[in-house]
Amino acid sequence: DANICECGMHKSIADTDPDMEMVRRRCPACVNLAKGLRIIHAEDERTLKELGGDKIPAEKMRPEDGRYLAMRMKAPSVTPVAE
């Protein structure tokens, strides 16, 4: 496991195989996660600025305190059936 690269390939293959090429791929889950995290970060920045920025005492509650993030499947949308 120590020689497994972050990409999942063993380093002996990833570092030496001349036939390897990079392929761009966008995972919809990763895209939505990155977008959601950017939105949350921007909201946190606005809130912190309103609270006084970097002058907030350490013991005061911050927006990210106790936050838990998870991905889940959306409930299926129901389309009314015309009769």
PDB file of N, CA and C in Angstrom:
ATOM      1  N   ASP A   1       0.812  -1.213   0.000  1.00  0.00           N
ATOM      2  CA  ASP A   1       0.000   0.000   0.000  1.00  0.00           C
ATOM      3  C   ASP A   1       0.851   1.271   0.000  1.00  0.00           C
ATOM      4  N   ALA A   2       2.062   1.173   0.551  1.00  0.00           N
ATOM      5  CA  ALA A   2       2.919   2.356   0.639  1.00  0.00           C
ATOM      6  C   ALA A   2       3.311   2.867  -0.740  1.00  0.00           C
ATOM      7  N   ASN A   3       3.312   1.985  -1.741  1.00  0.00           N
ATOM      8  CA  ASN A   3       3.723   2.396  -3.087  1.00  0.00           C
ATOM      9  C   ASN A   3       2.556   2.667  -4.020  1.00  0.00           C
ATOM     10  N   ILE A   4       1.365   2.806  -3.453  1.00  0.00           N
ATOM     11  CA  ILE A   4       0.198   3.156  -4.271  1.00  0.00           C
ATOM     12  C   ILE A   4       0.093   4.672  -4.335  1.00  0.00           C
ATOM     13  N   CYS A   5       0.047   5.184  -5.545  1.00  0.00           N
ATOM     14  CA  CYS A   5      -0.085   6.625  -5.762  1.00  0.00           C
ATOM     15  C   CYS A   5      -1.499   7.076  -5.404  1.00  0.00           C
ATOM     16  N   GLU A   6      -1.697   8.366  -5.236  1.00  0.00           N
ATOM     17  CA  GLU A   6      -3.026   8.906  -4.957  1.00  0.00           C
ATOM     18  C   GLU A   6      -4.021   8.573  -6.066  1.00  0.00           C
ATOM     19  N   CYS A   7      -3.519   8.364  -7.284  1.00  0.00           N
ATOM     20  CA  CYS A   7      -4.407   8.044  -8.403  1.00  0.00           C
ATOM     21  C   CYS A   7      -4.874   6.596  -8.369  1.00  0.00           C
ATOM     22  N   GLY A   8      -4.286   5.772  -7.490  1.00  0.00           N
ATOM     23  CA  GLY A   8      -4.683   4.382  -7.382  1.00  0.00           C
ATOM     24  C   GLY A   8      -3.752   3.415  -8.094  1.00  0.00           C
ATOM     25  N   MET A   9      -2.823   3.923  -8.898  1.00  0.00           N
ATOM     26  CA  MET A   9      -1.862   3.072  -9.601  1.00  0.00           C
ATOM     27  C   MET A   9      -0.651   2.828  -8.713  1.00  0.00           C
ATOM     28  N   HIS A  10      -0.018   1.661  -8.895  1.00  0.00           N
ATOM     29  CA  HIS A  10       1.231   1.384  -8.195  1.00  0.00           C
ATOM     30  C   HIS A  10       2.292   2.306  -8.800  1.00  0.00           C
ATOM     31  N   LYS A  11       3.128   2.900  -7.970  1.00  0.00           N
ATOM     32  CA  LYS A  11       4.103   3.890  -8.453  1.00  0.00           C
ATOM     33  C   LYS A  11       5.065   3.314  -9.485  1.00  0.00           C
ATOM     34  N   SER A  12       5.370   2.036  -9.414  1.00  0.00           N
ATOM     35  CA  SER A  12       6.282   1.448 -10.396  1.00  0.00           C
ATOM     36  C   SER A  12       5.683   1.481 -11.798  1.00  0.00           C
ATOM     37  N   ILE A  13       4.360   1.464 -11.895  1.00  0.00           N
ATOM     38  CA  ILE A  13       3.699   1.545 -13.201  1.00  0.00           C
ATOM     39  C   ILE A  13       3.489   3.010 -13.581  1.00  0.00           C
ATOM     40  N   ALA A  14       2.946   3.782 -12.678  1.00  0.00           N
ATOM     41  CA  ALA A  14       2.601   5.171 -12.976  1.00  0.00           C
ATOM     42  C   ALA A  14       3.829   6.002 -13.347  1.00  0.00           C
ATOM     43  N   ASP A  15       4.992   5.712 -12.740  1.00  0.00           N
ATOM     44  CA  ASP A  15       6.192   6.511 -12.983  1.00  0.00           C
ATOM     45  C   ASP A  15       6.971   6.086 -14.219  1.00  0.00           C
ATOM     46  N   THR A  16       6.727   4.877 -14.732  1.00  0.00           N
ATOM     47  CA  THR A  16       7.597   4.361 -15.792  1.00  0.00           C
ATOM     48  C   THR A  16       6.906   4.006 -17.093  1.00  0.00           C
ATOM     49  N   ASP A  17       5.610   3.852 -17.102  1.00  0.00           N
ATOM     50  CA  ASP A  17       4.916   3.374 -18.309  1.00  0.00           C
ATOM     51  C   ASP A  17       4.753   4.502 -19.326  1.00  0.00           C
ATOM     52  N   PRO A  18       5.458   4.405 -20.470  1.00  0.00           N
ATOM     53  CA  PRO A  18       5.362   5.470 -21.478  1.00  0.00           C
ATOM     54  C   PRO A  18       4.026   5.473 -22.222  1.00  0.00           C
ATOM     55  N   ASP A  19       3.259   4.407 -22.068  1.00  0.00           N
ATOM     56  CA  ASP A  19       1.974   4.327 -22.760  1.00  0.00           C
ATOM     57  C   ASP A  19       0.825   4.918 -21.949  1.00  0.00           C
ATOM     58  N   MET A  20       1.129   5.452 -20.792  1.00  0.00           N
ATOM     59  CA  MET A  20       0.094   6.067 -19.953  1.00  0.00           C
ATOM     60  C   MET A  20      -0.195   7.468 -20.462  1.00  0.00           C
ATOM     61  N   GLU A  21      -1.440   7.867 -20.453  1.00  0.00           N
ATOM     62  CA  GLU A  21      -1.807   9.229 -20.826  1.00  0.00           C
ATOM     63  C   GLU A  21      -2.905   9.709 -19.886  1.00  0.00           C
ATOM     64  N   MET A  22      -2.941  11.016 -19.695  1.00  0.00           N
ATOM     65  CA  MET A  22      -3.954  11.587 -18.820  1.00  0.00           C
ATOM     66  C   MET A  22      -5.260  11.746 -19.591  1.00  0.00           C
ATOM     67  N   VAL A  23      -6.313  11.347 -18.972  1.00  0.00           N
ATOM     68  CA  VAL A  23      -7.644  11.500 -19.552  1.00  0.00           C
ATOM     69  C   VAL A  23      -8.445  12.374 -18.602  1.00  0.00           C
ATOM     70  N   ARG A  24      -9.085  13.399 -19.132  1.00  0.00           N
ATOM     71  CA  ARG A  24      -9.914  14.256 -18.283  1.00  0.00           C
ATOM     72  C   ARG A  24     -11.259  13.607 -18.076  1.00  0.00           C
ATOM     73  N   ARG A  25     -11.683  13.601 -16.851  1.00  0.00           N
ATOM     74  CA  ARG A  25     -12.980  13.039 -16.513  1.00  0.00           C
ATOM     75  C   ARG A  25     -13.588  13.909 -15.439  1.00  0.00           C
ATOM     76  N   ARG A  26     -14.853  14.136 -15.527  1.00  0.00           N
ATOM     77  CA  ARG A  26     -15.554  14.886 -14.490  1.00  0.00           C
ATOM     78  C   ARG A  26     -16.604  13.987 -13.864  1.00  0.00           C
ATOM     79  N   CYS A  27     -16.410  13.726 -12.605  1.00  0.00           N
ATOM     80  CA  CYS A  27     -17.369  12.928 -11.862  1.00  0.00           C
ATOM     81  C   CYS A  27     -18.484  13.863 -11.396  1.00  0.00           C
ATOM     82  N   PRO A  28     -19.745  13.590 -11.713  1.00  0.00           N
ATOM     83  CA  PRO A  28     -20.834  14.475 -11.310  1.00  0.00           C
ATOM     84  C   PRO A  28     -20.917  14.650  -9.795  1.00  0.00           C
ATOM     85  N   ALA A  29     -20.614  13.603  -9.047  1.00  0.00           N
ATOM     86  CA  ALA A  29     -20.655  13.722  -7.583  1.00  0.00           C
ATOM     87  C   ALA A  29     -19.567  14.671  -7.099  1.00  0.00           C
ATOM     88  N   CYS A  30     -18.355  14.553  -7.653  1.00  0.00           N
ATOM     89  CA  CYS A  30     -17.255  15.434  -7.255  1.00  0.00           C
ATOM     90  C   CYS A  30     -17.528  16.878  -7.671  1.00  0.00           C
ATOM     91  N   VAL A  31     -18.129  17.062  -8.838  1.00  0.00           N
ATOM     92  CA  VAL A  31     -18.472  18.412  -9.305  1.00  0.00           C
ATOM     93  C   VAL A  31     -19.452  19.066  -8.330  1.00  0.00           C
ATOM     94  N   ASN A  32     -20.503  18.331  -7.969  1.00  0.00           N
ATOM     95  CA  ASN A  32     -21.498  18.884  -7.055  1.00  0.00           C
ATOM     96  C   ASN A  32     -20.920  19.118  -5.669  1.00  0.00           C
ATOM     97  N   LEU A  33     -20.044  18.231  -5.218  1.00  0.00           N
ATOM     98  CA  LEU A  33     -19.412  18.410  -3.925  1.00  0.00           C
ATOM     99  C   LEU A  33     -18.527  19.652  -3.921  1.00  0.00           C
ATOM    100  N   ALA A  34     -17.703  19.827  -4.953  1.00  0.00           N
ATOM    101  CA  ALA A  34     -16.824  20.995  -5.034  1.00  0.00           C
ATOM    102  C   ALA A  34     -17.635  22.292  -5.083  1.00  0.00           C
ATOM    103  N   LYS A  35     -18.699  22.291  -5.878  1.00  0.00           N
ATOM    104  CA  LYS A  35     -19.566  23.468  -5.995  1.00  0.00           C
ATOM    105  C   LYS A  35     -20.214  23.784  -4.641  1.00  0.00           C
ATOM    106  N   GLY A  36     -20.739  22.752  -3.988  1.00  0.00           N
ATOM    107  CA  GLY A  36     -21.368  22.953  -2.680  1.00  0.00           C
ATOM    108  C   GLY A  36     -20.390  23.489  -1.648  1.00  0.00           C
ATOM    109  N   LEU A  37     -19.163  22.954  -1.654  1.00  0.00           N
ATOM    110  CA  LEU A  37     -18.152  23.431  -0.701  1.00  0.00           C
ATOM    111  C   LEU A  37     -17.764  24.880  -0.960  1.00  0.00           C
ATOM    112  N   ARG A  38     -17.687  25.277  -2.243  1.00  0.00           N
ATOM    113  CA  ARG A  38     -17.394  26.684  -2.564  1.00  0.00           C
ATOM    114  C   ARG A  38     -18.500  27.603  -2.053  1.00  0.00           C
ATOM    115  N   ILE A  39     -19.755  27.187  -2.217  1.00  0.00           N
ATOM    116  CA  ILE A  39     -20.890  27.989  -1.753  1.00  0.00           C
ATOM    117  C   ILE A  39     -20.855  28.113  -0.234  1.00  0.00           C
ATOM    118  N   ILE A  40     -20.629  26.995   0.452  1.00  0.00           N
ATOM    119  CA  ILE A  40     -20.555  27.016   1.914  1.00  0.00           C
ATOM    120  C   ILE A  40     -19.405  27.906   2.373  1.00  0.00           C
ATOM    121  N   HIS A  41     -18.252  27.796   1.718  1.00  0.00           N
ATOM    122  CA  HIS A  41     -17.093  28.607   2.088  1.00  0.00           C
ATOM    123  C   HIS A  41     -17.397  30.099   1.921  1.00  0.00           C
ATOM    124  N   ALA A  42     -18.043  30.467   0.825  1.00  0.00           N
ATOM    125  CA  ALA A  42     -18.390  31.877   0.593  1.00  0.00           C
ATOM    126  C   ALA A  42     -19.364  32.376   1.658  1.00  0.00           C
ATOM    127  N   GLU A  43     -20.356  31.542   2.010  1.00  0.00           N
ATOM    128  CA  GLU A  43     -21.307  31.923   3.064  1.00  0.00           C
ATOM    129  C   GLU A  43     -20.591  32.084   4.404  1.00  0.00           C
ATOM    130  N   ASP A  44     -19.661  31.170   4.707  1.00  0.00           N
ATOM    131  CA  ASP A  44     -18.892  31.263   5.949  1.00  0.00           C
ATOM    132  C   ASP A  44     -18.059  32.538   5.989  1.00  0.00           C
ATOM    133  N   GLU A  45     -17.426  32.879   4.868  1.00  0.00           N
ATOM    134  CA  GLU A  45     -16.612  34.095   4.799  1.00  0.00           C
ATOM    135  C   GLU A  45     -17.457  35.340   5.068  1.00  0.00           C
ATOM    136  N   ARG A  46     -18.658  35.398   4.471  1.00  0.00           N
ATOM    137  CA  ARG A  46     -19.551  36.539   4.706  1.00  0.00           C
ATOM    138  C   ARG A  46     -19.956  36.618   6.175  1.00  0.00           C
ATOM    139  N   THR A  47     -20.310  35.476   6.743  1.00  0.00           N
ATOM    140  CA  THR A  47     -20.723  35.435   8.149  1.00  0.00           C
ATOM    141  C   THR A  47     -19.588  35.863   9.065  1.00  0.00           C
ATOM    142  N   LEU A  48     -18.390  35.348   8.817  1.00  0.00           N
ATOM    143  CA  LEU A  48     -17.235  35.717   9.652  1.00  0.00           C
ATOM    144  C   LEU A  48     -16.924  37.206   9.551  1.00  0.00           C
ATOM    145  N   LYS A  49     -17.062  37.747   8.344  1.00  0.00           N
ATOM    146  CA  LYS A  49     -16.820  39.179   8.154  1.00  0.00           C
ATOM    147  C   LYS A  49     -17.831  39.995   8.965  1.00  0.00           C
ATOM    148  N   GLU A  50     -19.092  39.565   8.956  1.00  0.00           N
ATOM    149  CA  GLU A  50     -20.135  40.245   9.729  1.00  0.00           C
ATOM    150  C   GLU A  50     -19.866  40.156  11.228  1.00  0.00           C
ATOM    151  N   LEU A  51     -19.249  39.045  11.670  1.00  0.00           N
ATOM    152  CA  LEU A  51     -18.965  38.852  13.092  1.00  0.00           C
ATOM    153  C   LEU A  51     -17.693  39.544  13.555  1.00  0.00           C
ATOM    154  N   GLY A  52     -16.921  40.098  12.635  1.00  0.00           N
ATOM    155  CA  GLY A  52     -15.721  40.811  13.025  1.00  0.00           C
ATOM    156  C   GLY A  52     -14.433  40.260  12.454  1.00  0.00           C
ATOM    157  N   GLY A  53     -14.538  39.332  11.523  1.00  0.00           N
ATOM    158  CA  GLY A  53     -13.353  38.815  10.845  1.00  0.00           C
ATOM    159  C   GLY A  53     -12.406  38.062  11.753  1.00  0.00           C
ATOM    160  N   ASP A  54     -11.102  38.364  11.630  1.00  0.00           N
ATOM    161  CA  ASP A  54     -10.096  37.631  12.400  1.00  0.00           C
ATOM    162  C   ASP A  54      -9.997  38.084  13.850  1.00  0.00           C
ATOM    163  N   LYS A  55     -10.831  39.025  14.250  1.00  0.00           N
ATOM    164  CA  LYS A  55     -10.823  39.501  15.633  1.00  0.00           C
ATOM    165  C   LYS A  55     -11.813  38.734  16.522  1.00  0.00           C
ATOM    166  N   ILE A  56     -12.428  37.684  15.983  1.00  0.00           N
ATOM    167  CA  ILE A  56     -13.392  36.890  16.742  1.00  0.00           C
ATOM    168  C   ILE A  56     -12.632  36.076  17.785  1.00  0.00           C
ATOM    169  N   PRO A  57     -13.031  36.149  19.061  1.00  0.00           N
ATOM    170  CA  PRO A  57     -12.373  35.339  20.089  1.00  0.00           C
ATOM    171  C   PRO A  57     -12.508  33.843  19.770  1.00  0.00           C
ATOM    172  N   ALA A  58     -11.507  33.067  20.146  1.00  0.00           N
ATOM    173  CA  ALA A  58     -11.484  31.632  19.857  1.00  0.00           C
ATOM    174  C   ALA A  58     -12.677  30.894  20.459  1.00  0.00           C
ATOM    175  N   GLU A  59     -13.174  31.375  21.595  1.00  0.00           N
ATOM    176  CA  GLU A  59     -14.281  30.671  22.253  1.00  0.00           C
ATOM    177  C   GLU A  59     -15.646  30.979  21.649  1.00  0.00           C
ATOM    178  N   LYS A  60     -15.715  31.942  20.735  1.00  0.00           N
ATOM    179  CA  LYS A  60     -16.989  32.281  20.115  1.00  0.00           C
ATOM    180  C   LYS A  60     -17.318  31.289  18.994  1.00  0.00           C
ATOM    181  N   MET A  61     -18.592  30.942  18.867  1.00  0.00           N
ATOM    182  CA  MET A  61     -19.063  29.989  17.858  1.00  0.00           C
ATOM    183  C   MET A  61     -18.784  30.522  16.449  1.00  0.00           C
ATOM    184  N   ARG A  62     -18.327  29.641  15.570  1.00  0.00           N
ATOM    185  CA  ARG A  62     -18.087  29.971  14.170  1.00  0.00           C
ATOM    186  C   ARG A  62     -19.030  29.141  13.303  1.00  0.00           C
ATOM    187  N   PRO A  63     -19.286  29.574  12.065  1.00  0.00           N
ATOM    188  CA  PRO A  63     -20.264  28.870  11.215  1.00  0.00           C
ATOM    189  C   PRO A  63     -19.940  27.399  10.986  1.00  0.00           C
ATOM    190  N   GLU A  64     -18.670  27.052  10.905  1.00  0.00           N
ATOM    191  CA  GLU A  64     -18.298  25.667  10.600  1.00  0.00           C
ATOM    192  C   GLU A  64     -18.261  24.750  11.822  1.00  0.00           C
ATOM    193  N   ASP A  65     -18.415  25.288  13.014  1.00  0.00           N
ATOM    194  CA  ASP A  65     -18.374  24.480  14.233  1.00  0.00           C
ATOM    195  C   ASP A  65     -19.509  23.454  14.241  1.00  0.00           C
ATOM    196  N   GLY A  66     -19.147  22.198  14.397  1.00  0.00           N
ATOM    197  CA  GLY A  66     -20.131  21.122  14.486  1.00  0.00           C
ATOM    198  C   GLY A  66     -20.745  20.710  13.167  1.00  0.00           C
ATOM    199  N   ARG A  67     -20.260  21.254  12.079  1.00  0.00           N
ATOM    200  CA  ARG A  67     -20.840  20.952  10.770  1.00  0.00           C
ATOM    201  C   ARG A  67     -20.449  19.545  10.342  1.00  0.00           C
ATOM    202  N   TYR A  68     -21.401  18.840   9.776  1.00  0.00           N
ATOM    203  CA  TYR A  68     -21.176  17.521   9.209  1.00  0.00           C
ATOM    204  C   TYR A  68     -21.712  17.543   7.785  1.00  0.00           C
ATOM    205  N   LEU A  69     -20.882  17.168   6.829  1.00  0.00           N
ATOM    206  CA  LEU A  69     -21.297  17.163   5.433  1.00  0.00           C
ATOM    207  C   LEU A  69     -21.326  15.736   4.910  1.00  0.00           C
ATOM    208  N   ALA A  70     -22.316  15.421   4.112  1.00  0.00           N
ATOM    209  CA  ALA A  70     -22.426  14.101   3.503  1.00  0.00           C
ATOM    210  C   ALA A  70     -23.127  14.240   2.165  1.00  0.00           C
ATOM    211  N   MET A  71     -22.845  13.310   1.265  1.00  0.00           N
ATOM    212  CA  MET A  71     -23.532  13.266  -0.025  1.00  0.00           C
ATOM    213  C   MET A  71     -24.635  12.225   0.086  1.00  0.00           C
ATOM    214  N   ARG A  72     -25.774  12.485  -0.535  1.00  0.00           N
ATOM    215  CA  ARG A  72     -26.867  11.525  -0.554  1.00  0.00           C
ATOM    216  C   ARG A  72     -27.598  11.648  -1.873  1.00  0.00           C
ATOM    217  N   MET A  73     -28.340  10.629  -2.208  1.00  0.00           N
ATOM    218  CA  MET A  73     -29.138  10.639  -3.433  1.00  0.00           C
ATOM    219  C   MET A  73     -30.367  11.509  -3.205  1.00  0.00           C
ATOM    220  N   LYS A  74     -30.724  12.270  -4.218  1.00  0.00           N
ATOM    221  CA  LYS A  74     -31.954  13.050  -4.142  1.00  0.00           C
ATOM    222  C   LYS A  74     -33.151  12.118  -4.234  1.00  0.00           C
ATOM    223  N   ALA A  75     -34.244  12.528  -3.617  1.00  0.00           N
ATOM    224  CA  ALA A  75     -35.483  11.758  -3.747  1.00  0.00           C
ATOM    225  C   ALA A  75     -35.938  11.851  -5.197  1.00  0.00           C
ATOM    226  N   PRO A  76     -36.465  10.760  -5.755  1.00  0.00           N
ATOM    227  CA  PRO A  76     -36.915  10.812  -7.145  1.00  0.00           C
ATOM    228  C   PRO A  76     -38.046  11.815  -7.300  1.00  0.00           C
ATOM    229  N   SER A  77     -37.983  12.568  -8.386  1.00  0.00           N
ATOM    230  CA  SER A  77     -39.051  13.541  -8.628  1.00  0.00           C
ATOM    231  C   SER A  77     -40.265  12.802  -9.187  1.00  0.00           C
ATOM    232  N   VAL A  78     -41.410  13.252  -8.770  1.00  0.00           N
ATOM    233  CA  VAL A  78     -42.647  12.617  -9.199  1.00  0.00           C
ATOM    234  C   VAL A  78     -43.338  13.541 -10.208  1.00  0.00           C
ATOM    235  N   THR A  79     -43.580  13.014 -11.379  1.00  0.00           N
ATOM    236  CA  THR A  79     -44.257  13.784 -12.420  1.00  0.00           C
ATOM    237  C   THR A  79     -45.717  13.356 -12.441  1.00  0.00           C
ATOM    238  N   PRO A  80     -46.652  14.320 -12.285  1.00  0.00           N
ATOM    239  CA  PRO A  80     -48.067  13.952 -12.323  1.00  0.00           C
ATOM    240  C   PRO A  80     -48.437  13.319 -13.666  1.00  0.00           C
ATOM    241  N   VAL A  81     -49.241  12.309 -13.614  1.00  0.00           N
ATOM    242  CA  VAL A  81     -49.679  11.623 -14.828  1.00  0.00           C
ATOM    243  C   VAL A  81     -50.988  12.249 -15.274  1.00  0.00           C
ATOM    244  N   ALA A  82     -51.030  12.709 -16.515  1.00  0.00           N
ATOM    245  CA  ALA A  82     -52.262  13.302 -17.060  1.00  0.00           C
ATOM    246  C   ALA A  82     -53.254  12.189 -17.354  1.00  0.00           C
ATOM    247  N   GLU A  83     -54.490  12.414 -16.981  1.00  0.00           N
ATOM    248  CA  GLU A  83     -55.531  11.398 -17.222  1.00  0.00           C
ATOM    249  C   GLU A  83     -56.372  11.760 -18.401  1.00  0.00           C
TER     250      GLU A  83
END
